[in-house]
Amino acid sequence: MVVNFDGNIFPCCSVSGFTKSIILGNIRETSLAEAMQVATRDKYLFYIQKRGLSEFFNSAPLLEPMTNRAHSVCDLCKIVSESDYFGRKVNRFIDDEFARFAKITLDKIFA
């Protein structure tokens, strides 16, 4: 986590610019423990912590042409997290991935 000069807490160093959509709180009102809870409750942040965005990086231009301007995974994260249109697609993908993972896990438990 990074605390910016204005007190905003980010889950990463935010090399593509301080991405407003991934702010975890402000250090004046939010403890680091609370910021960590926000990071794990947020579906998008939880997913990129566990899996990263590299799999989106290659397929993203096919899904949304505006991601052609992404020059790194960090830049892609900024574009994706600030776009309502692409964010909805990513959230659907994450939901599908969680459902797939849950099914695999349950199949293993009850096998």
PDB file of N, CA and C in Angstrom:
ATOM      1  N   MET A   1       0.837  -1.186   0.000  1.00  0.00           N
ATOM      2  CA  MET A   1       0.000   0.000   0.000  1.00  0.00           C
ATOM      3  C   MET A   1       0.875   1.240   0.000  1.00  0.00           C
ATOM      4  N   VAL A   2       0.311   2.292  -0.555  1.00  0.00           N
ATOM      5  CA  VAL A   2       1.019   3.564  -0.639  1.00  0.00           C
ATOM      6  C   VAL A   2       0.098   4.654  -0.095  1.00  0.00           C
ATOM      7  N   VAL A   3       0.668   5.537   0.725  1.00  0.00           N
ATOM      8  CA  VAL A   3      -0.057   6.716   1.183  1.00  0.00           C
ATOM      9  C   VAL A   3       0.498   7.900   0.399  1.00  0.00           C
ATOM     10  N   ASN A   4      -0.363   8.543  -0.349  1.00  0.00           N
ATOM     11  CA  ASN A   4       0.013   9.668  -1.193  1.00  0.00           C
ATOM     12  C   ASN A   4       0.224  10.917  -0.335  1.00  0.00           C
ATOM     13  N   PHE A   5       0.792  11.949  -0.927  1.00  0.00           N
ATOM     14  CA  PHE A   5       1.067  13.202  -0.216  1.00  0.00           C
ATOM     15  C   PHE A   5      -0.189  13.843   0.363  1.00  0.00           C
ATOM     16  N   ASP A   6      -1.352  13.581  -0.234  1.00  0.00           N
ATOM     17  CA  ASP A   6      -2.602  14.161   0.272  1.00  0.00           C
ATOM     18  C   ASP A   6      -3.305  13.240   1.269  1.00  0.00           C
ATOM     19  N   GLY A   7      -2.680  12.110   1.599  1.00  0.00           N
ATOM     20  CA  GLY A   7      -3.236  11.186   2.584  1.00  0.00           C
ATOM     21  C   GLY A   7      -4.048  10.049   1.992  1.00  0.00           C
ATOM     22  N   ASN A   8      -4.307  10.077   0.685  1.00  0.00           N
ATOM     23  CA  ASN A   8      -5.069   8.989   0.067  1.00  0.00           C
ATOM     24  C   ASN A   8      -4.242   7.704   0.071  1.00  0.00           C
ATOM     25  N   ILE A   9      -4.927   6.611   0.375  1.00  0.00           N
ATOM     26  CA  ILE A   9      -4.281   5.300   0.454  1.00  0.00           C
ATOM     27  C   ILE A   9      -4.609   4.531  -0.816  1.00  0.00           C
ATOM     28  N   PHE A  10      -3.567   3.993  -1.454  1.00  0.00           N
ATOM     29  CA  PHE A  10      -3.720   3.210  -2.676  1.00  0.00           C
ATOM     30  C   PHE A  10      -3.202   1.792  -2.441  1.00  0.00           C
ATOM     31  N   PRO A  11      -3.751   0.799  -3.144  1.00  0.00           N
ATOM     32  CA  PRO A  11      -3.301  -0.583  -2.962  1.00  0.00           C
ATOM     33  C   PRO A  11      -1.957  -0.866  -3.634  1.00  0.00           C
ATOM     34  N   CYS A  12      -1.461   0.090  -4.419  1.00  0.00           N
ATOM     35  CA  CYS A  12      -0.215  -0.104  -5.165  1.00  0.00           C
ATOM     36  C   CYS A  12       0.442   1.255  -5.337  1.00  0.00           C
ATOM     37  N   CYS A  13       1.550   1.279  -6.038  1.00  0.00           N
ATOM     38  CA  CYS A  13       2.260   2.557  -6.226  1.00  0.00           C
ATOM     39  C   CYS A  13       1.604   3.437  -7.282  1.00  0.00           C
ATOM     40  N   SER A  14       0.620   2.910  -7.995  1.00  0.00           N
ATOM     41  CA  SER A  14      -0.178   3.690  -8.946  1.00  0.00           C
ATOM     42  C   SER A  14       0.711   4.425  -9.951  1.00  0.00           C
ATOM     43  N   VAL A  15       1.588   3.672 -10.631  1.00  0.00           N
ATOM     44  CA  VAL A  15       2.562   4.295 -11.530  1.00  0.00           C
ATOM     45  C   VAL A  15       1.932   4.998 -12.730  1.00  0.00           C
ATOM     46  N   SER A  16       0.691   4.688 -13.041  1.00  0.00           N
ATOM     47  CA  SER A  16       0.035   5.352 -14.173  1.00  0.00           C
ATOM     48  C   SER A  16      -0.707   6.610 -13.746  1.00  0.00           C
ATOM     49  N   GLY A  17      -0.450   7.056 -12.558  1.00  0.00           N
ATOM     50  CA  GLY A  17      -1.158   8.206 -12.014  1.00  0.00           C
ATOM     51  C   GLY A  17      -2.073   7.724 -10.918  1.00  0.00           C
ATOM     52  N   PHE A  18      -2.350   8.560  -9.981  1.00  0.00           N
ATOM     53  CA  PHE A  18      -3.161   8.129  -8.847  1.00  0.00           C
ATOM     54  C   PHE A  18      -4.603   7.926  -9.299  1.00  0.00           C
ATOM     55  N   THR A  19      -4.960   6.680  -9.460  1.00  0.00           N
ATOM     56  CA  THR A  19      -6.245   6.265  -9.997  1.00  0.00           C
ATOM     57  C   THR A  19      -7.317   6.396  -8.917  1.00  0.00           C
ATOM     58  N   LYS A  20      -8.236   7.348  -9.104  1.00  0.00           N
ATOM     59  CA  LYS A  20      -9.241   7.650  -8.088  1.00  0.00           C
ATOM     60  C   LYS A  20     -10.130   6.464  -7.762  1.00  0.00           C
ATOM     61  N   SER A  21     -10.380   5.624  -8.735  1.00  0.00           N
ATOM     62  CA  SER A  21     -11.313   4.515  -8.527  1.00  0.00           C
ATOM     63  C   SER A  21     -10.755   3.421  -7.628  1.00  0.00           C
ATOM     64  N   ILE A  22      -9.460   3.438  -7.321  1.00  0.00           N
ATOM     65  CA  ILE A  22      -8.903   2.398  -6.447  1.00  0.00           C
ATOM     66  C   ILE A  22      -8.413   2.951  -5.107  1.00  0.00           C
ATOM     67  N   ILE A  23      -8.836   4.170  -4.756  1.00  0.00           N
ATOM     68  CA  ILE A  23      -8.469   4.738  -3.454  1.00  0.00           C
ATOM     69  C   ILE A  23      -9.131   3.906  -2.363  1.00  0.00           C
ATOM     70  N   LEU A  24      -8.361   3.559  -1.349  1.00  0.00           N
ATOM     71  CA  LEU A  24      -8.857   2.736  -0.250  1.00  0.00           C
ATOM     72  C   LEU A  24      -9.327   3.561   0.936  1.00  0.00           C
ATOM     73  N   GLY A  25      -9.129   4.843   0.881  1.00  0.00           N
ATOM     74  CA  GLY A  25      -9.497   5.735   1.968  1.00  0.00           C
ATOM     75  C   GLY A  25      -8.449   6.817   2.108  1.00  0.00           C
ATOM     76  N   ASN A  26      -8.565   7.578   3.169  1.00  0.00           N
ATOM     77  CA  ASN A  26      -7.585   8.619   3.464  1.00  0.00           C
ATOM     78  C   ASN A  26      -7.040   8.364   4.854  1.00  0.00           C
ATOM     79  N   ILE A  27      -5.761   8.492   5.021  1.00  0.00           N
ATOM     80  CA  ILE A  27      -5.088   8.144   6.262  1.00  0.00           C
ATOM     81  C   ILE A  27      -5.622   8.956   7.449  1.00  0.00           C
ATOM     82  N   ARG A  28      -6.230  10.104   7.176  1.00  0.00           N
ATOM     83  CA  ARG A  28      -6.789  10.917   8.262  1.00  0.00           C
ATOM     84  C   ARG A  28      -8.020  10.250   8.889  1.00  0.00           C
ATOM     85  N   GLU A  29      -8.782   9.513   8.080  1.00  0.00           N
ATOM     86  CA  GLU A  29     -10.016   8.895   8.584  1.00  0.00           C
ATOM     87  C   GLU A  29      -9.992   7.372   8.563  1.00  0.00           C
ATOM     88  N   THR A  30      -9.046   6.787   7.865  1.00  0.00           N
ATOM     89  CA  THR A  30      -9.045   5.345   7.633  1.00  0.00           C
ATOM     90  C   THR A  30      -7.762   4.733   8.184  1.00  0.00           C
ATOM     91  N   SER A  31      -7.917   3.712   9.036  1.00  0.00           N
ATOM     92  CA  SER A  31      -6.722   3.003   9.516  1.00  0.00           C
ATOM     93  C   SER A  31      -6.219   2.087   8.400  1.00  0.00           C
ATOM     94  N   LEU A  32      -4.983   1.656   8.518  1.00  0.00           N
ATOM     95  CA  LEU A  32      -4.454   0.741   7.504  1.00  0.00           C
ATOM     96  C   LEU A  32      -5.207  -0.585   7.524  1.00  0.00           C
ATOM     97  N   ALA A  33      -5.649  -1.021   8.708  1.00  0.00           N
ATOM     98  CA  ALA A  33      -6.443  -2.256   8.788  1.00  0.00           C
ATOM     99  C   ALA A  33      -7.755  -2.091   8.022  1.00  0.00           C
ATOM    100  N   GLU A  34      -8.400  -0.933   8.157  1.00  0.00           N
ATOM    101  CA  GLU A  34      -9.641  -0.677   7.408  1.00  0.00           C
ATOM    102  C   GLU A  34      -9.366  -0.618   5.906  1.00  0.00           C
ATOM    103  N   ALA A  35      -8.255   0.005   5.530  1.00  0.00           N
ATOM    104  CA  ALA A  35      -7.893   0.083   4.110  1.00  0.00           C
ATOM    105  C   ALA A  35      -7.675  -1.315   3.537  1.00  0.00           C
ATOM    106  N   MET A  36      -7.056  -2.204   4.316  1.00  0.00           N
ATOM    107  CA  MET A  36      -6.856  -3.583   3.851  1.00  0.00           C
ATOM    108  C   MET A  36      -8.193  -4.296   3.693  1.00  0.00           C
ATOM    109  N   GLN A  37      -9.142  -4.026   4.582  1.00  0.00           N
ATOM    110  CA  GLN A  37     -10.472  -4.630   4.451  1.00  0.00           C
ATOM    111  C   GLN A  37     -11.162  -4.137   3.184  1.00  0.00           C
ATOM    112  N   VAL A  38     -11.027  -2.857   2.887  1.00  0.00           N
ATOM    113  CA  VAL A  38     -11.614  -2.312   1.655  1.00  0.00           C
ATOM    114  C   VAL A  38     -11.000  -3.012   0.445  1.00  0.00           C
ATOM    115  N   ALA A  39      -9.681  -3.199   0.472  1.00  0.00           N
ATOM    116  CA  ALA A  39      -8.990  -3.830  -0.656  1.00  0.00           C
ATOM    117  C   ALA A  39      -9.438  -5.268  -0.865  1.00  0.00           C
ATOM    118  N   THR A  40      -9.762  -5.985   0.204  1.00  0.00           N
ATOM    119  CA  THR A  40     -10.186  -7.375   0.047  1.00  0.00           C
ATOM    120  C   THR A  40     -11.685  -7.497  -0.197  1.00  0.00           C
ATOM    121  N   ARG A  41     -12.467  -6.490   0.184  1.00  0.00           N
ATOM    122  CA  ARG A  41     -13.915  -6.528  -0.083  1.00  0.00           C
ATOM    123  C   ARG A  41     -14.228  -6.117  -1.514  1.00  0.00           C
ATOM    124  N   ASP A  42     -13.382  -5.276  -2.095  1.00  0.00           N
ATOM    125  CA  ASP A  42     -13.609  -4.822  -3.458  1.00  0.00           C
ATOM    126  C   ASP A  42     -13.269  -5.956  -4.421  1.00  0.00           C
ATOM    127  N   LYS A  43     -14.261  -6.381  -5.172  1.00  0.00           N
ATOM    128  CA  LYS A  43     -14.124  -7.534  -6.066  1.00  0.00           C
ATOM    129  C   LYS A  43     -12.992  -7.345  -7.074  1.00  0.00           C
ATOM    130  N   TYR A  44     -12.900  -6.175  -7.668  1.00  0.00           N
ATOM    131  CA  TYR A  44     -11.875  -5.885  -8.673  1.00  0.00           C
ATOM    132  C   TYR A  44     -10.478  -5.917  -8.047  1.00  0.00           C
ATOM    133  N   LEU A  45     -10.303  -5.234  -6.927  1.00  0.00           N
ATOM    134  CA  LEU A  45      -8.987  -5.198  -6.280  1.00  0.00           C
ATOM    135  C   LEU A  45      -8.586  -6.577  -5.768  1.00  0.00           C
ATOM    136  N   PHE A  46      -9.556  -7.307  -5.221  1.00  0.00           N
ATOM    137  CA  PHE A  46      -9.250  -8.653  -4.745  1.00  0.00           C
ATOM    138  C   PHE A  46      -8.759  -9.524  -5.901  1.00  0.00           C
ATOM    139  N   TYR A  47      -9.441  -9.423  -7.026  1.00  0.00           N
ATOM    140  CA  TYR A  47      -9.064 -10.234  -8.187  1.00  0.00           C
ATOM    141  C   TYR A  47      -7.665  -9.886  -8.678  1.00  0.00           C
ATOM    142  N   ILE A  48      -7.370  -8.589  -8.830  1.00  0.00           N
ATOM    143  CA  ILE A  48      -6.054  -8.251  -9.363  1.00  0.00           C
ATOM    144  C   ILE A  48      -4.941  -8.538  -8.358  1.00  0.00           C
ATOM    145  N   GLN A  49      -5.269  -8.563  -7.063  1.00  0.00           N
ATOM    146  CA  GLN A  49      -4.268  -8.976  -6.073  1.00  0.00           C
ATOM    147  C   GLN A  49      -3.925 -10.448  -6.242  1.00  0.00           C
ATOM    148  N   LYS A  50      -4.937 -11.240  -6.540  1.00  0.00           N
ATOM    149  CA  LYS A  50      -4.737 -12.687  -6.653  1.00  0.00           C
ATOM    150  C   LYS A  50      -4.244 -13.117  -8.031  1.00  0.00           C
ATOM    151  N   ARG A  51      -4.742 -12.481  -9.086  1.00  0.00           N
ATOM    152  CA  ARG A  51      -4.452 -12.951 -10.444  1.00  0.00           C
ATOM    153  C   ARG A  51      -3.723 -11.948 -11.315  1.00  0.00           C
ATOM    154  N   GLY A  52      -3.758 -10.676 -10.938  1.00  0.00           N
ATOM    155  CA  GLY A  52      -3.149  -9.658 -11.783  1.00  0.00           C
ATOM    156  C   GLY A  52      -4.024  -9.353 -12.986  1.00  0.00           C
ATOM    157  N   LEU A  53      -3.548  -8.492 -13.860  1.00  0.00           N
ATOM    158  CA  LEU A  53      -4.303  -8.117 -15.058  1.00  0.00           C
ATOM    159  C   LEU A  53      -3.638  -8.593 -16.336  1.00  0.00           C
ATOM    160  N   SER A  54      -2.592  -9.388 -16.213  1.00  0.00           N
ATOM    161  CA  SER A  54      -1.858  -9.768 -17.420  1.00  0.00           C
ATOM    162  C   SER A  54      -2.729 -10.507 -18.418  1.00  0.00           C
ATOM    163  N   GLU A  55      -3.686 -11.338 -17.949  1.00  0.00           N
ATOM    164  CA  GLU A  55      -4.536 -12.043 -18.904  1.00  0.00           C
ATOM    165  C   GLU A  55      -5.477 -11.092 -19.636  1.00  0.00           C
ATOM    166  N   PHE A  56      -5.801  -9.946 -19.010  1.00  0.00           N
ATOM    167  CA  PHE A  56      -6.603  -8.942 -19.690  1.00  0.00           C
ATOM    168  C   PHE A  56      -5.765  -8.180 -20.710  1.00  0.00           C
ATOM    169  N   PHE A  57      -4.473  -8.046 -20.437  1.00  0.00           N
ATOM    170  CA  PHE A  57      -3.623  -7.188 -21.257  1.00  0.00           C
ATOM    171  C   PHE A  57      -3.629  -7.621 -22.724  1.00  0.00           C
ATOM    172  N   ASN A  58      -3.559  -8.914 -22.988  1.00  0.00           N
ATOM    173  CA  ASN A  58      -3.533  -9.400 -24.371  1.00  0.00           C
ATOM    174  C   ASN A  58      -4.899  -9.383 -25.034  1.00  0.00           C
ATOM    175  N   SER A  59      -5.958  -9.641 -24.269  1.00  0.00           N
ATOM    176  CA  SER A  59      -7.290  -9.725 -24.875  1.00  0.00           C
ATOM    177  C   SER A  59      -8.065  -8.415 -24.791  1.00  0.00           C
ATOM    178  N   ALA A  60      -7.632  -7.477 -23.975  1.00  0.00           N
ATOM    179  CA  ALA A  60      -8.395  -6.246 -23.776  1.00  0.00           C
ATOM    180  C   ALA A  60      -8.668  -5.464 -25.054  1.00  0.00           C
ATOM    181  N   PRO A  61      -7.696  -5.285 -25.956  1.00  0.00           N
ATOM    182  CA  PRO A  61      -8.007  -4.517 -27.177  1.00  0.00           C
ATOM    183  C   PRO A  61      -9.121  -5.142 -28.017  1.00  0.00           C
ATOM    184  N   LEU A  62      -9.293  -6.455 -27.926  1.00  0.00           N
ATOM    185  CA  LEU A  62     -10.381  -7.106 -28.649  1.00  0.00           C
ATOM    186  C   LEU A  62     -11.725  -6.787 -28.001  1.00  0.00           C
ATOM    187  N   LEU A  63     -11.714  -6.651 -26.669  1.00  0.00           N
ATOM    188  CA  LEU A  63     -12.948  -6.381 -25.945  1.00  0.00           C
ATOM    189  C   LEU A  63     -13.320  -4.903 -25.975  1.00  0.00           C
ATOM    190  N   GLU A  64     -12.319  -4.053 -25.926  1.00  0.00           N
ATOM    191  CA  GLU A  64     -12.571  -2.619 -25.866  1.00  0.00           C
ATOM    192  C   GLU A  64     -11.412  -1.874 -26.519  1.00  0.00           C
ATOM    193  N   PRO A  65     -11.640  -1.266 -27.683  1.00  0.00           N
ATOM    194  CA  PRO A  65     -10.550  -0.608 -28.411  1.00  0.00           C
ATOM    195  C   PRO A  65      -9.809   0.471 -27.628  1.00  0.00           C
ATOM    196  N   MET A  66     -10.468   1.115 -26.642  1.00  0.00           N
ATOM    197  CA  MET A  66      -9.783   2.189 -25.920  1.00  0.00           C
ATOM    198  C   MET A  66      -8.571   1.672 -25.146  1.00  0.00           C
ATOM    199  N   THR A  67      -8.508   0.365 -24.913  1.00  0.00           N
ATOM    200  CA  THR A  67      -7.359  -0.168 -24.180  1.00  0.00           C
ATOM    201  C   THR A  67      -6.130  -0.296 -25.072  1.00  0.00           C
ATOM    202  N   ASN A  68      -6.255  -0.013 -26.358  1.00  0.00           N
ATOM    203  CA  ASN A  68      -5.085  -0.021 -27.245  1.00  0.00           C
ATOM    204  C   ASN A  68      -4.021   0.964 -26.786  1.00  0.00           C
ATOM    205  N   ARG A  69      -4.442   2.008 -26.080  1.00  0.00           N
ATOM    206  CA  ARG A  69      -3.468   3.004 -25.635  1.00  0.00           C
ATOM    207  C   ARG A  69      -2.733   2.588 -24.370  1.00  0.00           C
ATOM    208  N   ALA A  70      -3.116   1.463 -23.778  1.00  0.00           N
ATOM    209  CA  ALA A  70      -2.423   0.978 -22.579  1.00  0.00           C
ATOM    210  C   ALA A  70      -1.027   0.507 -22.954  1.00  0.00           C
ATOM    211  N   HIS A  71      -0.029   0.986 -22.250  1.00  0.00           N
ATOM    212  CA  HIS A  71       1.349   0.601 -22.544  1.00  0.00           C
ATOM    213  C   HIS A  71       1.949  -0.282 -21.455  1.00  0.00           C
ATOM    214  N   SER A  72       1.160  -0.565 -20.426  1.00  0.00           N
ATOM    215  CA  SER A  72       1.617  -1.448 -19.356  1.00  0.00           C
ATOM    216  C   SER A  72       0.392  -2.001 -18.643  1.00  0.00           C
ATOM    217  N   VAL A  73       0.612  -2.987 -17.794  1.00  0.00           N
ATOM    218  CA  VAL A  73      -0.486  -3.542 -17.010  1.00  0.00           C
ATOM    219  C   VAL A  73      -1.028  -2.486 -16.052  1.00  0.00           C
ATOM    220  N   CYS A  74      -0.156  -1.643 -15.498  1.00  0.00           N
ATOM    221  CA  CYS A  74      -0.603  -0.580 -14.593  1.00  0.00           C
ATOM    222  C   CYS A  74      -1.490   0.428 -15.331  1.00  0.00           C
ATOM    223  N   ASP A  75      -1.113   0.764 -16.555  1.00  0.00           N
ATOM    224  CA  ASP A  75      -1.919   1.668 -17.361  1.00  0.00           C
ATOM    225  C   ASP A  75      -3.262   1.023 -17.699  1.00  0.00           C
ATOM    226  N   LEU A  76      -3.237  -0.263 -18.007  1.00  0.00           N
ATOM    227  CA  LEU A  76      -4.480  -0.988 -18.284  1.00  0.00           C
ATOM    228  C   LEU A  76      -5.396  -0.962 -17.059  1.00  0.00           C
ATOM    229  N   CYS A  77      -4.834  -1.155 -15.883  1.00  0.00           N
ATOM    230  CA  CYS A  77      -5.623  -1.113 -14.649  1.00  0.00           C
ATOM    231  C   CYS A  77      -6.317   0.234 -14.518  1.00  0.00           C
ATOM    232  N   LYS A  78      -5.597   1.312 -14.779  1.00  0.00           N
ATOM    233  CA  LYS A  78      -6.186   2.652 -14.694  1.00  0.00           C
ATOM    234  C   LYS A  78      -7.325   2.806 -15.695  1.00  0.00           C
ATOM    235  N   ILE A  79      -7.106   2.386 -16.933  1.00  0.00           N
ATOM    236  CA  ILE A  79      -8.139   2.498 -17.966  1.00  0.00           C
ATOM    237  C   ILE A  79      -9.361   1.662 -17.598  1.00  0.00           C
ATOM    238  N   VAL A  80      -9.119   0.419 -17.185  1.00  0.00           N
ATOM    239  CA  VAL A  80     -10.221  -0.488 -16.852  1.00  0.00           C
ATOM    240  C   VAL A  80     -11.000   0.024 -15.646  1.00  0.00           C
ATOM    241  N   SER A  81     -10.288   0.416 -14.593  1.00  0.00           N
ATOM    242  CA  SER A  81     -10.983   0.787 -13.361  1.00  0.00           C
ATOM    243  C   SER A  81     -11.692   2.130 -13.465  1.00  0.00           C
ATOM    244  N   GLU A  82     -11.321   2.956 -14.444  1.00  0.00           N
ATOM    245  CA  GLU A  82     -11.983   4.245 -14.597  1.00  0.00           C
ATOM    246  C   GLU A  82     -13.062   4.240 -15.675  1.00  0.00           C
ATOM    247  N   SER A  83     -13.260   3.105 -16.336  1.00  0.00           N
ATOM    248  CA  SER A  83     -14.257   3.006 -17.402  1.00  0.00           C
ATOM    249  C   SER A  83     -15.452   2.197 -16.910  1.00  0.00           C
ATOM    250  N   ASP A  84     -16.611   2.830 -16.844  1.00  0.00           N
ATOM    251  CA  ASP A  84     -17.816   2.106 -16.431  1.00  0.00           C
ATOM    252  C   ASP A  84     -18.111   0.956 -17.390  1.00  0.00           C
ATOM    253  N   TYR A  85     -17.976   1.220 -18.690  1.00  0.00           N
ATOM    254  CA  TYR A  85     -18.269   0.215 -19.709  1.00  0.00           C
ATOM    255  C   TYR A  85     -17.359  -1.005 -19.535  1.00  0.00           C
ATOM    256  N   PHE A  86     -16.058  -0.775 -19.499  1.00  0.00           N
ATOM    257  CA  PHE A  86     -15.125  -1.883 -19.393  1.00  0.00           C
ATOM    258  C   PHE A  86     -15.173  -2.491 -17.994  1.00  0.00           C
ATOM    259  N   GLY A  87     -15.402  -1.657 -17.003  1.00  0.00           N
ATOM    260  CA  GLY A  87     -15.516  -2.160 -15.632  1.00  0.00           C
ATOM    261  C   GLY A  87     -16.635  -3.178 -15.489  1.00  0.00           C
ATOM    262  N   ARG A  88     -17.761  -2.929 -16.147  1.00  0.00           N
ATOM    263  CA  ARG A  88     -18.874  -3.898 -16.109  1.00  0.00           C
ATOM    264  C   ARG A  88     -18.452  -5.222 -16.734  1.00  0.00           C
ATOM    265  N   LYS A  89     -17.726  -5.157 -17.851  1.00  0.00           N
ATOM    266  CA  LYS A  89     -17.256  -6.386 -18.498  1.00  0.00           C
ATOM    267  C   LYS A  89     -16.293  -7.141 -17.591  1.00  0.00           C
ATOM    268  N   VAL A  90     -15.386  -6.405 -16.963  1.00  0.00           N
ATOM    269  CA  VAL A  90     -14.418  -7.035 -16.061  1.00  0.00           C
ATOM    270  C   VAL A  90     -15.140  -7.658 -14.876  1.00  0.00           C
ATOM    271  N   ASN A  91     -16.104  -6.964 -14.317  1.00  0.00           N
ATOM    272  CA  ASN A  91     -16.839  -7.512 -13.172  1.00  0.00           C
ATOM    273  C   ASN A  91     -17.600  -8.776 -13.548  1.00  0.00           C
ATOM    274  N   ARG A  92     -18.169  -8.819 -14.751  1.00  0.00           N
ATOM    275  CA  ARG A  92     -18.836 -10.045 -15.197  1.00  0.00           C
ATOM    276  C   ARG A  92     -17.830 -11.179 -15.326  1.00  0.00           C
ATOM    277  N   PHE A  93     -16.645 -10.865 -15.883  1.00  0.00           N
ATOM    278  CA  PHE A  93     -15.587 -11.866 -16.013  1.00  0.00           C
ATOM    279  C   PHE A  93     -15.164 -12.379 -14.628  1.00  0.00           C
ATOM    280  N   ILE A  94     -14.989 -11.457 -13.689  1.00  0.00           N
ATOM    281  CA  ILE A  94     -14.591 -11.840 -12.329  1.00  0.00           C
ATOM    282  C   ILE A  94     -15.666 -12.715 -11.701  1.00  0.00           C
ATOM    283  N   ASP A  95     -16.937 -12.345 -11.857  1.00  0.00           N
ATOM    284  CA  ASP A  95     -18.029 -13.176 -11.326  1.00  0.00           C
ATOM    285  C   ASP A  95     -17.978 -14.578 -11.915  1.00  0.00           C
ATOM    286  N   ASP A  96     -17.763 -14.664 -13.221  1.00  0.00           N
ATOM    287  CA  ASP A  96     -17.666 -15.973 -13.871  1.00  0.00           C
ATOM    288  C   ASP A  96     -16.478 -16.770 -13.332  1.00  0.00           C
ATOM    289  N   GLU A  97     -15.351 -16.085 -13.127  1.00  0.00           N
ATOM    290  CA  GLU A  97     -14.159 -16.754 -12.603  1.00  0.00           C
ATOM    291  C   GLU A  97     -14.394 -17.265 -11.181  1.00  0.00           C
ATOM    292  N   PHE A  98     -15.028 -16.437 -10.343  1.00  0.00           N
ATOM    293  CA  PHE A  98     -15.318 -16.871  -8.979  1.00  0.00           C
ATOM    294  C   PHE A  98     -16.288 -18.054  -8.979  1.00  0.00           C
ATOM    295  N   ALA A  99     -17.285 -18.012  -9.848  1.00  0.00           N
ATOM    296  CA  ALA A  99     -18.236 -19.122  -9.939  1.00  0.00           C
ATOM    297  C   ALA A  99     -17.529 -20.394 -10.396  1.00  0.00           C
ATOM    298  N   ARG A 100     -16.634 -20.264 -11.376  1.00  0.00           N
ATOM    299  CA  ARG A 100     -15.871 -21.411 -11.860  1.00  0.00           C
ATOM    300  C   ARG A 100     -14.981 -21.976 -10.745  1.00  0.00           C
ATOM    301  N   PHE A 101     -14.299 -21.099 -10.025  1.00  0.00           N
ATOM    302  CA  PHE A 101     -13.424 -21.520  -8.934  1.00  0.00           C
ATOM    303  C   PHE A 101     -14.241 -22.203  -7.821  1.00  0.00           C
ATOM    304  N   ALA A 102     -15.414 -21.646  -7.514  1.00  0.00           N
ATOM    305  CA  ALA A 102     -16.267 -22.239  -6.477  1.00  0.00           C
ATOM    306  C   ALA A 102     -16.718 -23.633  -6.886  1.00  0.00           C
ATOM    307  N   LYS A 103     -17.080 -23.804  -8.145  1.00  0.00           N
ATOM    308  CA  LYS A 103     -17.514 -25.116  -8.623  1.00  0.00           C
ATOM    309  C   LYS A 103     -16.371 -26.125  -8.538  1.00  0.00           C
ATOM    310  N   ILE A 104     -15.182 -25.731  -8.976  1.00  0.00           N
ATOM    311  CA  ILE A 104     -14.021 -26.630  -8.905  1.00  0.00           C
ATOM    312  C   ILE A 104     -13.739 -27.014  -7.457  1.00  0.00           C
ATOM    313  N   THR A 105     -13.799 -26.036  -6.562  1.00  0.00           N
ATOM    314  CA  THR A 105     -13.540 -26.292  -5.143  1.00  0.00           C
ATOM    315  C   THR A 105     -14.592 -27.241  -4.565  1.00  0.00           C
ATOM    316  N   LEU A 106     -15.850 -26.970  -4.846  1.00  0.00           N
ATOM    317  CA  LEU A 106     -16.924 -27.828  -4.327  1.00  0.00           C
ATOM    318  C   LEU A 106     -16.815 -29.246  -4.902  1.00  0.00           C
ATOM    319  N   ASP A 107     -16.475 -29.347  -6.183  1.00  0.00           N
ATOM    320  CA  ASP A 107     -16.292 -30.673  -6.795  1.00  0.00           C
ATOM    321  C   ASP A 107     -15.193 -31.464  -6.093  1.00  0.00           C
ATOM    322  N   LYS A 108     -14.133 -30.765  -5.696  1.00  0.00           N
ATOM    323  CA  LYS A 108     -13.039 -31.430  -4.976  1.00  0.00           C
ATOM    324  C   LYS A 108     -13.470 -31.872  -3.586  1.00  0.00           C
ATOM    325  N   ILE A 109     -14.256 -31.031  -2.934  1.00  0.00           N
ATOM    326  CA  ILE A 109     -14.712 -31.347  -1.569  1.00  0.00           C
ATOM    327  C   ILE A 109     -15.645 -32.533  -1.573  1.00  0.00           C
ATOM    328  N   PHE A 110     -16.555 -32.562  -2.539  1.00  0.00           N
ATOM    329  CA  PHE A 110     -17.577 -33.620  -2.560  1.00  0.00           C
ATOM    330  C   PHE A 110     -17.244 -34.784  -3.485  1.00  0.00           C
ATOM    331  N   ALA A 111     -16.009 -34.847  -3.985  1.00  0.00           N
ATOM    332  CA  ALA A 111     -15.615 -35.931  -4.878  1.00  0.00           C
ATOM    333  C   ALA A 111     -15.402 -37.232  -4.101  1.00  0.00           C
TER     334      ALA A 111
END
